[in-house]
Amino acid sequence: MAKNEIEAKLPHTAVAVWGGYIYQGKIALYHCLSLILKNLIESAKLSLQLDSIDDFAILLNGECKSIHQVKAYKSDDFSSYESAISEQKEKSTKYPNCEAFFHVSKMLKVPEKFSTTYSPVVMYRYNKTPTSEEYCALSEIDNLLENALRGIYTKYHSTDTHKVSNEYLSWSRNLLEDIVVKKVIAMHSEIQLSTGAVQRQVANREKIEFTQFLEILSNDLTSAVLCEDYFFSIIMKDIGSYFANFCEEHDLQGAELSKLSRCIAEINRLDIIGLKAFICSILPDKKGRFSSLTEYKDEAITSDDLQLGLFRIFHELIESNYDASGKVKNFYWRLEGKNYYPTAIHQGPSSAGSICKRIVEGSIKHDVEFLYESGTLITLDINAESIYSVVCVGARSEQHQEHSKFNKFKEISLISISNLPKEIKK
């Protein structure tokens, strides 16, 4: 069979429009940990497949053992989920002797005849000691993951008492999530920048062996955390979570969701060096460093930076260009010979002076390449004909004038979304 015919027969993937992939990945990890807690030896033979057969599936030697559908809808009305449940019931007929689980984030009033109507599909139950429930709210999943880890460490690593401390459980959760999220981010980025059968091929080939989880669980993690790699993975997960929140708040769908998803796909492809440069480019007063807990808290992108600043710019403008060739990989709009660059600056006009001062000082200190190309920086509400014109004069001014890029600062301006040319607005 020809390669394109094989790809066309692969299951459809929903990753291309998966705004909540972080939550789905956490749910997949929770189920994997539950299987490990149940039987350590048998779990070592399993693998996790993401967004191919179903939202995720558990495989044993290539054979599907369970399929899982994850829905994090706003609605708690069962009718909103009926079609998806019916589809999963139909899908389960292709995999004899395979369990079919349906995961929801809201408590639903399930019909009394659910089991007879939708068998073999069952509502997934979460262990919320001392009870279990058929839903997991977004706000609960981290706690449930750490409870599952506590159970695994208590059962299989009872002599390593430090592993059940709250701090160690948090480290473990983040590192285990990283295994899943890195895979999903890579899929998400590649799929967003491809089409059709290529999307299905990407999702179908991505599997995670349970042995990767077991290695993290058996190791001592103290030396593996609180480094740039660790915080890099957390920042990338945060970006995904902030993006999901933004999409939900603005009810993004169709072409508009796809437009923003392509932007996120480019960000997700950045490595540590690229992410640090990108942070400096959209928040020029940031150092873009996160090799310690203090630096991570001070220098990482916040929810407000993205949801009130950068994502709003992407949402309200036409799709941007993207330059991956420079030292700073960045988005831009070009009009009449001028480049417009997005920022995450969301403060009001009263902050113009302090913002511009920090931009100049941060640009000198961190050599933010694109700022020296006489461009215009897009902000939420601040306008300034020159970032230097609103910087206080005096000793600081003389210091800036000695910098080799001083004249370029005079050519860099700030513009609010409302004052942008109509040609680049939606």
Protein backbone atom coordinates (compact mmCIF):
# COMPACT_ATOMS: atom_id res chain seq x y z
CA MET A 1 0.00 0.00 0.00
CA ALA A 2 1.32 3.46 -0.88
CA LYS A 3 2.47 5.70 1.97
CA ASN A 4 -0.25 8.31 1.35
CA GLU A 5 -2.90 5.58 1.41
CA ILE A 6 -1.63 4.33 4.77
CA GLU A 7 -1.65 7.86 6.18
CA ALA A 8 -5.20 8.45 4.94
CA LYS A 9 -6.39 5.38 6.86
CA LEU A 10 -4.86 6.48 10.16
CA PRO A 11 -7.33 7.68 12.82
CA HIS A 12 -8.29 11.35 12.76
CA THR A 13 -6.48 13.54 15.28
CA ALA A 14 -7.90 16.49 17.18
CA VAL A 15 -4.48 17.81 18.24
CA ALA A 16 -4.63 20.51 15.54
CA VAL A 17 -7.29 22.39 17.53
CA TRP A 18 -6.39 21.15 20.99
CA GLY A 19 -6.32 24.27 23.14
CA GLY A 20 -6.53 22.26 26.37
CA TYR A 21 -3.78 19.78 25.62
CA ILE A 22 -2.11 20.38 28.98
CA TYR A 23 -5.21 19.23 30.88
CA GLN A 24 -5.66 16.23 28.58
CA GLY A 25 -2.02 15.29 29.10
CA LYS A 26 -2.42 15.49 32.87
CA ILE A 27 -5.48 13.22 32.73
CA ALA A 28 -3.51 10.73 30.62
CA LEU A 29 -0.68 10.80 33.18
CA TYR A 30 -3.14 10.28 36.04
CA HIS A 31 -4.46 7.11 34.41
CA CYS A 32 -0.91 5.86 33.79
CA LEU A 33 0.00 6.42 37.44
CA SER A 34 -3.16 4.58 38.50
CA LEU A 35 -2.08 1.58 36.43
CA ILE A 36 1.42 1.70 37.92
CA LEU A 37 -0.02 1.85 41.44
CA LYS A 38 -2.22 -1.15 40.66
CA ASN A 39 0.55 -3.36 39.25
CA LEU A 40 4.15 -2.18 38.90
CA ILE A 41 5.41 -5.25 37.00
CA GLU A 42 2.62 -5.39 34.43
CA SER A 43 2.64 -1.63 33.85
CA ALA A 44 6.24 -1.81 32.61
CA LYS A 45 4.93 -3.58 29.48
CA LEU A 46 2.49 -0.79 28.57
CA SER A 47 2.73 2.29 26.40
CA LEU A 48 0.68 5.50 26.17
CA GLN A 49 -0.49 6.73 22.76
CA LEU A 50 -1.63 10.33 22.46
CA ASP A 51 -4.43 11.64 20.28
CA SER A 52 -4.63 8.98 17.61
CA ILE A 53 -7.01 6.11 18.29
CA ASP A 54 -8.69 8.38 20.84
CA ASP A 55 -7.68 11.36 23.00
CA PHE A 56 -5.31 8.82 24.50
CA ALA A 57 -5.02 5.05 24.57
CA ILE A 58 -3.12 2.39 26.51
CA LEU A 59 -1.35 -0.22 24.39
CA LEU A 60 0.18 -3.60 25.22
CA ASN A 61 2.53 -4.90 22.51
CA GLY A 62 0.73 -2.69 20.01
CA GLU A 63 -2.71 -3.98 20.99
CA CYS A 64 -5.19 -1.45 22.34
CA LYS A 65 -6.18 -2.19 25.95
CA SER A 66 -8.19 0.96 26.70
CA ILE A 67 -9.36 4.09 24.88
CA HIS A 68 -10.03 7.40 26.59
CA GLN A 69 -12.04 10.46 25.62
CA VAL A 70 -11.41 13.68 27.61
CA LYS A 71 -13.94 16.53 27.62
CA ALA A 72 -13.46 19.74 29.60
CA TYR A 73 -16.65 21.51 28.53
CA LYS A 74 -18.18 24.40 30.45
CA SER A 75 -21.56 22.66 30.40
CA ASP A 76 -22.72 20.19 33.05
CA ASP A 77 -25.69 19.10 30.92
CA PHE A 78 -25.37 15.45 29.88
CA SER A 79 -26.88 16.23 26.47
CA SER A 80 -23.75 18.22 25.60
CA TYR A 81 -21.72 15.02 25.81
CA GLU A 82 -24.12 12.49 24.27
CA SER A 83 -22.80 12.61 20.71
CA ALA A 84 -19.19 12.18 21.87
CA ILE A 85 -20.16 9.23 24.06
CA SER A 86 -22.05 7.63 21.18
CA GLU A 87 -19.04 8.10 18.92
CA GLN A 88 -16.78 6.45 21.48
CA LYS A 89 -19.19 3.53 21.75
CA GLU A 90 -19.02 3.11 17.97
CA LYS A 91 -15.22 3.44 18.02
CA SER A 92 -14.92 0.72 20.67
CA THR A 93 -16.40 -1.85 18.26
CA LYS A 94 -13.14 -1.66 16.28
CA TYR A 95 -11.17 -2.83 19.32
CA PRO A 96 -12.65 -6.05 20.79
CA ASN A 97 -12.05 -6.59 24.52
CA CYS A 98 -10.88 -2.98 24.87
CA GLU A 99 -12.11 -0.84 27.75
CA ALA A 100 -13.63 2.53 26.87
CA PHE A 101 -13.47 5.40 29.37
CA PHE A 102 -15.08 8.84 29.19
CA HIS A 103 -13.46 11.63 31.26
CA VAL A 104 -15.23 14.87 32.19
CA SER A 105 -14.27 17.94 34.23
CA LYS A 106 -17.82 18.67 35.44
CA MET A 107 -20.18 16.59 37.58
CA LEU A 108 -22.91 15.29 35.26
CA LYS A 109 -26.32 13.82 35.98
CA VAL A 110 -25.83 10.53 34.16
CA PRO A 111 -29.02 8.74 32.99
CA GLU A 112 -30.00 5.60 34.90
CA LYS A 113 -29.78 3.52 31.72
CA PHE A 114 -26.30 4.80 30.81
CA SER A 115 -24.60 1.41 31.09
CA THR A 116 -27.14 -0.40 28.91
CA THR A 117 -27.34 2.40 26.35
CA TYR A 118 -23.64 3.17 25.93
CA SER A 119 -21.85 -0.05 26.95
CA PRO A 120 -18.89 -0.67 26.92
CA VAL A 121 -18.27 3.04 27.61
CA VAL A 122 -18.05 3.90 31.30
CA MET A 123 -17.58 7.21 33.09
CA TYR A 124 -14.05 7.30 34.51
CA ARG A 125 -13.83 7.41 38.30
CA TYR A 126 -11.17 9.43 40.11
CA ASN A 127 -9.88 8.43 43.51
CA LYS A 128 -10.65 11.39 45.77
CA THR A 129 -9.95 9.77 49.12
CA PRO A 130 -12.06 8.75 50.97
CA THR A 131 -14.51 8.66 48.02
CA SER A 132 -14.32 8.47 44.24
CA GLU A 133 -16.16 10.62 41.72
CA GLU A 134 -16.91 10.53 38.00
CA TYR A 135 -15.31 13.90 37.20
CA CYS A 136 -12.08 15.81 37.73
CA ALA A 137 -12.18 19.60 37.76
CA LEU A 138 -9.25 21.42 36.19
CA SER A 139 -8.39 22.78 39.63
CA GLU A 140 -8.18 19.26 41.12
CA ILE A 141 -5.90 17.41 38.73
CA ASP A 142 -2.52 18.47 40.17
CA ASN A 143 -3.58 17.39 43.65
CA LEU A 144 -4.88 14.04 42.35
CA LEU A 145 -1.62 13.44 40.50
CA GLU A 146 0.41 14.06 43.63
CA ASN A 147 -1.89 11.81 45.68
CA ALA A 148 -1.32 9.03 43.13
CA LEU A 149 2.44 9.61 43.39
CA ARG A 150 2.24 9.48 47.17
CA GLY A 151 0.53 6.10 46.86
CA ILE A 152 3.21 4.76 44.48
CA TYR A 153 6.11 5.95 46.66
CA THR A 154 4.47 4.57 49.81
CA LYS A 155 3.79 1.18 48.18
CA TYR A 156 6.98 0.63 46.19
CA HIS A 157 9.60 2.96 47.75
CA SER A 158 8.67 2.85 51.43
CA THR A 159 12.26 3.32 52.64
CA ASP A 160 12.65 6.57 50.67
CA THR A 161 10.58 8.63 53.07
CA HIS A 162 11.71 11.96 51.56
CA LYS A 163 9.79 11.08 48.38
CA VAL A 164 6.42 11.67 50.03
CA SER A 165 7.20 15.24 51.07
CA ASN A 166 5.06 17.89 49.38
CA GLU A 167 8.09 19.43 47.70
CA TYR A 168 9.33 16.13 46.26
CA LEU A 169 5.84 15.18 45.04
CA SER A 170 5.65 18.50 43.18
CA TRP A 171 9.05 17.88 41.57
CA SER A 172 8.00 14.37 40.56
CA ARG A 173 4.72 15.55 39.07
CA ASN A 174 6.39 18.25 36.98
CA LEU A 175 9.06 15.89 35.64
CA LEU A 176 6.52 13.18 34.78
CA GLU A 177 4.22 15.73 33.16
CA ASP A 178 7.21 16.91 31.16
CA ILE A 179 7.48 13.49 29.48
CA VAL A 180 3.90 13.77 28.24
CA VAL A 181 3.79 17.50 27.58
CA LYS A 182 7.05 17.57 25.58
CA LYS A 183 5.61 14.88 23.34
CA VAL A 184 2.31 16.72 22.96
CA ILE A 185 4.01 20.07 22.36
CA ALA A 186 6.16 18.54 19.62
CA MET A 187 3.08 16.98 18.04
CA HIS A 188 1.05 20.15 18.42
CA SER A 189 3.74 22.28 16.78
CA GLU A 190 4.39 19.92 13.87
CA ILE A 191 0.70 19.34 13.22
CA GLN A 192 -0.18 23.04 13.31
CA LEU A 193 2.36 23.66 10.59
CA SER A 194 1.25 20.69 8.45
CA THR A 195 -2.02 19.48 6.98
CA GLY A 196 -4.28 16.48 6.39
CA ALA A 197 -2.75 13.03 6.39
CA VAL A 198 0.55 14.36 7.73
CA GLN A 199 -1.31 15.38 10.91
CA ARG A 200 -2.65 11.87 11.36
CA GLN A 201 0.77 10.34 10.77
CA VAL A 202 2.37 12.59 13.41
CA ALA A 203 -0.17 11.65 16.08
CA ASN A 204 -0.19 7.95 15.21
CA ARG A 205 3.56 7.52 15.65
CA GLU A 206 3.82 9.21 19.05
CA LYS A 207 3.92 6.69 21.88
CA ILE A 208 5.41 6.89 25.36
CA GLU A 209 6.67 3.74 27.03
CA PHE A 210 5.73 3.36 30.70
CA THR A 211 9.37 2.56 31.41
CA GLN A 212 10.06 6.29 31.02
CA PHE A 213 7.68 7.02 33.91
CA LEU A 214 9.15 4.20 35.99
CA GLU A 215 12.67 5.56 35.58
CA ILE A 216 11.64 8.93 37.02
CA LEU A 217 9.83 7.21 39.89
CA SER A 218 12.83 5.06 40.80
CA ASN A 219 15.47 7.81 40.58
CA ASP A 220 16.32 10.35 43.24
CA LEU A 221 15.28 13.64 41.67
CA THR A 222 16.97 16.18 43.92
CA SER A 223 19.79 16.85 41.46
CA ALA A 224 17.43 16.88 38.46
CA VAL A 225 15.34 19.87 39.51
CA LEU A 226 15.79 23.57 40.17
CA CYS A 227 17.80 24.03 36.97
CA GLU A 228 17.04 25.79 33.69
CA ASP A 229 15.73 22.63 32.02
CA TYR A 230 13.23 22.11 34.84
CA PHE A 231 11.91 25.67 34.79
CA PHE A 232 11.90 25.72 30.98
CA SER A 233 9.46 22.80 30.99
CA ILE A 234 7.23 24.51 33.56
CA ILE A 235 7.17 27.75 31.55
CA MET A 236 6.17 25.83 28.41
CA LYS A 237 3.33 24.13 30.32
CA ASP A 238 2.27 27.50 31.72
CA ILE A 239 2.14 28.97 28.22
CA GLY A 240 -0.13 26.12 27.13
CA SER A 241 -2.39 26.59 30.15
CA TYR A 242 -2.62 30.37 29.63
CA PHE A 243 -3.43 29.77 25.96
CA ALA A 244 -6.20 27.31 26.86
CA ASN A 245 -7.65 29.83 29.33
CA PHE A 246 -7.54 32.59 26.70
CA CYS A 247 -9.27 30.41 24.10
CA GLU A 248 -11.98 29.44 26.57
CA GLU A 249 -12.56 33.01 27.77
CA HIS A 250 -12.87 34.34 24.21
CA ASP A 251 -14.67 31.23 22.90
CA LEU A 252 -12.22 30.91 20.01
CA GLN A 253 -13.21 28.50 17.26
CA GLY A 254 -12.49 27.68 13.64
CA ALA A 255 -10.10 29.88 11.68
CA GLU A 256 -9.45 32.23 14.59
CA LEU A 257 -8.45 29.37 16.89
CA SER A 258 -6.23 27.93 14.16
CA LYS A 259 -4.55 31.33 13.66
CA LEU A 260 -3.57 31.61 17.31
CA SER A 261 -2.65 27.93 17.48
CA ARG A 262 -0.07 28.44 14.75
CA CYS A 263 1.50 31.24 16.79
CA ILE A 264 1.66 28.99 19.85
CA ALA A 265 3.13 26.21 17.69
CA GLU A 266 6.07 28.45 16.79
CA ILE A 267 6.62 29.41 20.45
CA ASN A 268 6.48 25.76 21.46
CA ARG A 269 9.30 24.94 19.04
CA LEU A 270 11.75 27.21 20.88
CA ASP A 271 14.60 25.74 22.88
CA ILE A 272 15.88 27.28 26.11
CA ILE A 273 18.06 29.88 24.35
CA GLY A 274 15.23 30.76 21.98
CA LEU A 275 12.68 31.07 24.79
CA LYS A 276 14.95 33.38 26.80
CA ALA A 277 15.44 35.63 23.77
CA PHE A 278 11.72 35.58 23.02
CA ILE A 279 10.85 36.61 26.58
CA CYS A 280 13.27 39.53 26.28
CA SER A 281 11.73 40.55 22.95
CA ILE A 282 8.11 40.71 24.16
CA LEU A 283 9.05 41.97 27.64
CA PRO A 284 12.27 43.93 27.07
CA ASP A 285 12.62 44.74 30.77
CA LYS A 286 12.87 41.03 31.61
CA LYS A 287 16.23 39.28 31.86
CA GLY A 288 14.88 36.05 30.40
CA ARG A 289 16.72 33.95 32.98
CA PHE A 290 15.32 31.09 35.04
CA SER A 291 18.14 29.02 36.47
CA SER A 292 16.88 29.42 40.02
CA LEU A 293 13.52 29.55 41.74
CA THR A 294 13.87 33.30 42.35
CA GLU A 295 14.75 34.02 38.73
CA TYR A 296 11.92 31.81 37.52
CA LYS A 297 9.39 33.76 39.58
CA ASP A 298 10.82 37.14 38.54
CA GLU A 299 11.70 36.57 34.90
CA ALA A 300 9.15 34.09 33.52
CA ILE A 301 6.09 35.13 31.52
CA THR A 302 2.97 35.61 33.64
CA SER A 303 -0.66 34.87 32.86
CA ASP A 304 -1.43 38.60 32.53
CA ASP A 305 1.53 39.15 30.20
CA LEU A 306 0.13 36.64 27.74
CA GLN A 307 -3.64 36.85 28.20
CA LEU A 308 -3.88 40.64 28.50
CA GLY A 309 -0.95 41.40 26.22
CA LEU A 310 0.50 39.04 23.61
CA PHE A 311 -2.50 36.77 22.97
CA ARG A 312 -4.83 39.74 22.68
CA ILE A 313 -2.56 41.27 20.02
CA PHE A 314 -2.55 38.00 18.08
CA HIS A 315 -6.34 37.81 18.43
CA GLU A 316 -7.14 41.35 17.31
CA LEU A 317 -4.77 41.52 14.33
CA ILE A 318 -4.48 39.60 11.08
CA GLU A 319 -2.08 36.63 11.14
CA SER A 320 1.51 37.73 11.61
CA ASN A 321 4.68 36.81 9.76
CA TYR A 322 7.32 34.85 11.66
CA ASP A 323 11.09 35.18 11.30
CA ALA A 324 12.99 32.16 12.60
CA SER A 325 16.33 33.17 11.07
CA GLY A 326 17.61 35.75 13.54
CA LYS A 327 19.11 35.67 17.00
CA VAL A 328 15.66 36.62 18.25
CA LYS A 329 12.91 34.58 16.58
CA ASN A 330 9.88 36.80 16.51
CA PHE A 331 6.51 37.60 14.99
CA TYR A 332 5.99 40.77 12.99
CA TRP A 333 3.66 42.63 10.64
CA ARG A 334 5.22 44.63 7.79
CA LEU A 335 3.41 47.60 6.26
CA GLU A 336 4.81 50.33 4.00
CA GLY A 337 8.40 49.48 4.87
CA LYS A 338 7.83 49.47 8.64
CA ASN A 339 7.89 46.45 10.96
CA TYR A 340 5.43 46.12 13.84
CA TYR A 341 6.45 43.74 16.63
CA PRO A 342 4.09 42.30 19.29
CA THR A 343 4.86 42.69 22.97
CA ALA A 344 3.22 41.51 26.18
CA ILE A 345 3.14 45.08 27.57
CA HIS A 346 -0.38 45.49 28.94
CA GLN A 347 0.00 48.37 31.40
CA GLY A 348 -1.91 51.63 30.91
CA PRO A 349 -0.68 55.01 29.54
CA SER A 350 0.33 56.23 33.01
CA SER A 351 3.11 53.63 33.00
CA ALA A 352 4.62 54.88 29.71
CA GLY A 353 7.66 56.58 31.28
CA SER A 354 8.74 53.70 33.47
CA ILE A 355 8.04 51.13 30.73
CA CYS A 356 10.14 53.01 28.16
CA LYS A 357 12.97 53.47 30.65
CA ARG A 358 13.04 49.74 31.37
CA ILE A 359 12.92 48.94 27.64
CA VAL A 360 15.98 51.11 26.93
CA GLU A 361 17.95 49.81 29.91
CA GLY A 362 16.93 46.21 29.29
CA SER A 363 17.77 46.44 25.59
CA ILE A 364 21.26 47.78 26.30
CA LYS A 365 21.90 45.14 28.95
CA HIS A 366 20.53 42.15 27.04
CA ASP A 367 21.21 43.23 23.44
CA VAL A 368 17.70 42.59 22.15
CA GLU A 369 18.52 42.41 18.46
CA PHE A 370 15.22 43.33 16.81
CA LEU A 371 14.84 46.53 18.88
CA TYR A 372 17.74 48.07 16.98
CA GLU A 373 16.00 47.65 13.62
CA SER A 374 13.91 50.85 13.93
CA GLY A 375 10.59 49.11 14.45
CA THR A 376 7.35 49.82 16.24
CA LEU A 377 6.42 47.83 19.33
CA ILE A 378 2.74 46.99 19.73
CA THR A 379 1.32 47.40 23.25
CA LEU A 380 -2.15 47.19 24.72
CA ASP A 381 -2.64 50.89 25.56
CA ILE A 382 0.66 52.81 25.43
CA ASN A 383 1.66 55.16 22.60
CA ALA A 384 5.08 56.86 22.34
CA GLU A 385 6.66 58.36 19.21
CA SER A 386 10.07 57.36 20.54
CA ILE A 387 10.88 55.13 23.50
CA TYR A 388 13.73 57.50 24.27
CA SER A 389 11.60 60.65 24.25
CA VAL A 390 9.81 59.65 27.44
CA VAL A 391 12.89 58.39 29.29
CA CYS A 392 13.93 60.77 32.07
CA VAL A 393 16.91 63.00 31.26
CA GLY A 394 20.05 63.53 33.29
CA ALA A 395 22.82 61.12 34.16
CA ARG A 396 20.85 58.17 32.79
CA SER A 397 20.38 60.02 29.51
CA GLU A 398 24.13 60.62 29.17
CA GLN A 399 24.80 56.98 29.91
CA HIS A 400 22.37 55.93 27.17
CA GLN A 401 23.88 58.36 24.67
CA GLU A 402 27.26 56.68 25.04
CA HIS A 403 25.77 53.40 23.85
CA SER A 404 26.57 52.54 20.22
CA LYS A 405 22.88 51.89 19.51
CA PHE A 406 21.68 55.19 20.96
CA ASN A 407 20.40 56.70 17.69
CA LYS A 408 18.42 53.55 16.97
CA PHE A 409 16.49 53.96 20.23
CA LYS A 410 15.14 57.25 18.92
CA GLU A 411 13.59 55.42 15.97
CA ILE A 412 11.74 52.85 18.08
CA SER A 413 8.17 53.74 18.98
CA LEU A 414 5.29 52.22 20.91
CA ILE A 415 1.79 51.98 19.50
CA SER A 416 -1.44 50.78 21.09
CA ILE A 417 -3.72 48.26 19.40
CA SER A 418 -6.37 50.94 18.82
CA ASN A 419 -3.89 53.18 16.94
CA LEU A 420 -2.56 50.50 14.58
CA PRO A 421 -3.12 50.88 10.82
CA LYS A 422 -6.40 49.28 9.78
CA GLU A 423 -4.57 47.12 7.22
CA ILE A 424 -3.18 44.85 9.94
CA LYS A 425 -6.31 44.75 12.09
CA LYS A 426 -8.81 41.96 11.61
